N, C-alpha and C. Protein backbone atom coordinates (compact mmCIF):
# COMPACT_ATOMS: atom_id res chain seq x y z
N MET A 1 83.43 138.90 56.92
CA MET A 1 83.98 138.34 58.14
C MET A 1 85.50 138.27 58.06
N GLY A 2 86.08 138.31 56.88
CA GLY A 2 87.53 138.24 56.75
C GLY A 2 88.27 139.25 57.59
N ARG A 3 87.85 140.49 57.57
CA ARG A 3 88.51 141.53 58.36
C ARG A 3 88.29 141.32 59.85
N SER A 4 87.11 140.89 60.26
CA SER A 4 86.86 140.72 61.69
C SER A 4 87.68 139.60 62.28
N SER A 5 88.10 138.64 61.45
CA SER A 5 88.90 137.54 61.97
C SER A 5 90.31 138.00 62.33
N THR A 6 90.77 139.12 61.79
CA THR A 6 92.10 139.63 62.14
C THR A 6 92.07 140.44 63.43
N SER A 7 90.91 140.58 64.03
CA SER A 7 90.79 141.36 65.27
C SER A 7 91.25 140.58 66.48
N GLY A 8 91.50 139.29 66.32
CA GLY A 8 91.90 138.46 67.44
C GLY A 8 90.74 137.68 68.02
N ALA A 9 89.57 137.84 67.45
CA ALA A 9 88.40 137.10 67.93
C ALA A 9 88.55 135.63 67.56
N ASN A 10 88.06 134.75 68.44
CA ASN A 10 88.12 133.33 68.11
C ASN A 10 86.91 132.95 67.26
N LEU A 11 86.91 131.73 66.77
CA LEU A 11 85.86 131.30 65.85
C LEU A 11 84.47 131.39 66.48
N ARG A 12 84.35 130.98 67.73
CA ARG A 12 83.04 131.01 68.41
C ARG A 12 82.52 132.45 68.49
N GLU A 13 83.40 133.40 68.81
CA GLU A 13 83.00 134.80 68.89
C GLU A 13 82.57 135.33 67.53
N LEU A 14 83.31 134.97 66.50
CA LEU A 14 82.94 135.40 65.15
C LEU A 14 81.61 134.81 64.72
N MET A 15 81.40 133.53 65.05
CA MET A 15 80.13 132.89 64.70
C MET A 15 78.96 133.62 65.34
N ARG A 16 79.10 133.95 66.62
CA ARG A 16 78.02 134.64 67.32
C ARG A 16 77.76 136.01 66.68
N ARG A 17 78.84 136.71 66.37
CA ARG A 17 78.71 138.05 65.78
C ARG A 17 78.06 138.03 64.41
N MET A 18 78.38 137.00 63.62
CA MET A 18 77.87 136.93 62.26
C MET A 18 76.54 136.17 62.17
N GLY A 19 76.09 135.60 63.29
CA GLY A 19 74.82 134.90 63.29
C GLY A 19 74.87 133.49 62.72
N HIS A 20 76.06 132.90 62.71
CA HIS A 20 76.21 131.53 62.20
C HIS A 20 76.04 130.54 63.35
N SER A 21 75.31 129.47 63.10
CA SER A 21 75.12 128.46 64.13
C SER A 21 76.05 127.27 63.93
N SER A 22 76.68 127.16 62.78
CA SER A 22 77.60 126.04 62.55
C SER A 22 78.96 126.56 62.13
N THR A 23 79.99 125.80 62.51
CA THR A 23 81.34 126.20 62.11
C THR A 23 81.49 126.11 60.60
N ARG A 24 80.79 125.18 59.97
CA ARG A 24 80.88 125.04 58.51
C ARG A 24 80.46 126.33 57.81
N ALA A 25 79.35 126.90 58.26
CA ALA A 25 78.89 128.16 57.65
C ALA A 25 79.90 129.28 57.90
N ALA A 26 80.42 129.34 59.12
CA ALA A 26 81.38 130.41 59.45
C ALA A 26 82.67 130.28 58.66
N LEU A 27 83.16 129.05 58.49
CA LEU A 27 84.43 128.84 57.80
C LEU A 27 84.38 129.22 56.33
N ILE A 28 83.19 129.17 55.74
CA ILE A 28 83.05 129.57 54.34
C ILE A 28 83.48 131.03 54.16
N TYR A 29 83.23 131.85 55.17
CA TYR A 29 83.50 133.28 55.07
C TYR A 29 84.86 133.70 55.63
N LEU A 30 85.59 132.77 56.21
CA LEU A 30 86.92 133.10 56.72
C LEU A 30 87.92 133.04 55.58
N HIS A 31 88.76 134.03 55.52
CA HIS A 31 89.78 134.09 54.48
C HIS A 31 91.12 134.38 55.12
N GLY A 32 92.15 133.66 54.68
CA GLY A 32 93.48 133.90 55.18
C GLY A 32 94.15 135.01 54.39
N SER A 33 95.28 135.44 54.89
CA SER A 33 96.07 136.43 54.17
C SER A 33 97.53 136.08 54.34
N PRO A 34 98.35 136.43 53.38
CA PRO A 34 99.79 136.15 53.50
C PRO A 34 100.39 136.80 54.76
N GLU A 35 99.93 137.99 55.08
CA GLU A 35 100.45 138.68 56.27
C GLU A 35 100.12 137.88 57.54
N ARG A 36 98.89 137.41 57.64
CA ARG A 36 98.48 136.63 58.82
C ARG A 36 99.22 135.30 58.85
N ASP A 37 99.44 134.69 57.69
CA ASP A 37 100.22 133.45 57.65
C ASP A 37 101.62 133.67 58.21
N ARG A 38 102.24 134.79 57.86
CA ARG A 38 103.58 135.11 58.37
C ARG A 38 103.54 135.32 59.88
N GLU A 39 102.51 136.01 60.38
CA GLU A 39 102.39 136.24 61.82
C GLU A 39 102.25 134.91 62.57
N ILE A 40 101.42 134.02 62.05
CA ILE A 40 101.21 132.72 62.68
C ILE A 40 102.52 131.93 62.68
N ALA A 41 103.20 131.90 61.53
CA ALA A 41 104.46 131.16 61.43
C ALA A 41 105.50 131.73 62.39
N ALA A 42 105.58 133.04 62.50
CA ALA A 42 106.54 133.67 63.40
C ALA A 42 106.25 133.31 64.85
N GLU A 43 104.99 133.31 65.23
CA GLU A 43 104.62 132.98 66.61
C GLU A 43 104.89 131.51 66.90
N MET A 44 104.60 130.62 65.94
CA MET A 44 104.89 129.20 66.14
C MET A 44 106.39 128.98 66.26
N ASP A 45 107.17 129.69 65.45
CA ASP A 45 108.63 129.58 65.51
C ASP A 45 109.14 130.06 66.87
N ARG A 46 108.60 131.18 67.35
CA ARG A 46 109.01 131.73 68.65
C ARG A 46 108.74 130.72 69.76
N LYS A 47 107.55 130.13 69.74
CA LYS A 47 107.18 129.16 70.78
C LYS A 47 108.06 127.91 70.71
N ALA A 48 108.38 127.45 69.50
CA ALA A 48 109.23 126.28 69.35
C ALA A 48 110.64 126.56 69.86
N ARG A 49 111.17 127.72 69.53
CA ARG A 49 112.51 128.09 70.01
C ARG A 49 112.53 128.23 71.53
N GLU A 50 111.47 128.80 72.07
CA GLU A 50 111.35 128.95 73.52
C GLU A 50 111.33 127.58 74.20
N ALA A 51 110.58 126.64 73.64
CA ALA A 51 110.52 125.29 74.21
C ALA A 51 111.87 124.59 74.10
N GLU A 52 112.56 124.75 72.97
CA GLU A 52 113.89 124.16 72.82
C GLU A 52 114.86 124.72 73.84
N GLU A 53 114.84 126.02 74.05
CA GLU A 53 115.73 126.67 75.00
C GLU A 53 115.43 126.21 76.43
N LYS A 54 114.15 126.08 76.75
CA LYS A 54 113.76 125.60 78.08
C LYS A 54 114.27 124.17 78.30
N LYS A 55 114.12 123.32 77.29
CA LYS A 55 114.60 121.94 77.40
C LYS A 55 116.12 121.91 77.51
N ARG A 56 116.80 122.75 76.74
CA ARG A 56 118.26 122.80 76.79
C ARG A 56 118.73 123.20 78.18
N ARG A 57 118.09 124.21 78.76
CA ARG A 57 118.47 124.65 80.11
C ARG A 57 118.20 123.56 81.14
N LYS A 58 117.10 122.84 80.97
CA LYS A 58 116.75 121.77 81.90
C LYS A 58 117.77 120.63 81.83
N ASP A 59 118.22 120.30 80.62
CA ASP A 59 119.15 119.19 80.41
C ASP A 59 120.61 119.56 80.68
N ALA A 60 120.91 120.85 80.76
CA ALA A 60 122.29 121.30 80.97
C ALA A 60 122.71 121.02 82.41
N PRO A 61 123.99 120.65 82.61
CA PRO A 61 124.47 120.42 83.98
C PRO A 61 124.48 121.73 84.76
N GLU A 62 124.20 121.63 86.05
CA GLU A 62 124.23 122.80 86.93
C GLU A 62 125.67 123.28 87.06
N ASP A 63 125.89 124.55 87.37
CA ASP A 63 127.22 125.08 87.63
C ASP A 63 127.85 124.29 88.77
N GLY A 64 129.09 123.88 88.60
CA GLY A 64 129.78 123.14 89.65
C GLY A 64 129.57 121.64 89.55
N ASP A 65 128.60 121.20 88.75
CA ASP A 65 128.39 119.76 88.58
C ASP A 65 129.43 119.24 87.60
N GLU A 66 130.19 118.28 88.05
CA GLU A 66 131.19 117.67 87.19
C GLU A 66 130.72 116.26 86.82
N PRO A 67 130.91 115.84 85.60
CA PRO A 67 130.57 114.46 85.27
C PRO A 67 131.40 113.49 86.11
N GLU A 68 130.75 112.47 86.62
CA GLU A 68 131.47 111.49 87.44
C GLU A 68 132.10 110.43 86.55
N ASP A 69 133.32 110.01 86.91
CA ASP A 69 133.96 108.92 86.20
C ASP A 69 133.42 107.62 86.74
N GLY A 70 133.02 106.70 85.86
CA GLY A 70 132.37 105.46 86.22
C GLY A 70 133.24 104.51 86.85
């Protein structure tokens, strides 16, 4: 099942394909790889940077907006 998990199938799909009725049984046969760990980390980093950029743009003053003196 290790190779089939890199196909993009989710756990439920893999369980059905392998004939497992419990996640515990399915997880025994799942194996990670350093390459997949790097892919996951890169995607999480991309999403975090995207969220930070979106927040930064939201918090930035609009063009022409000047801070008001109190």
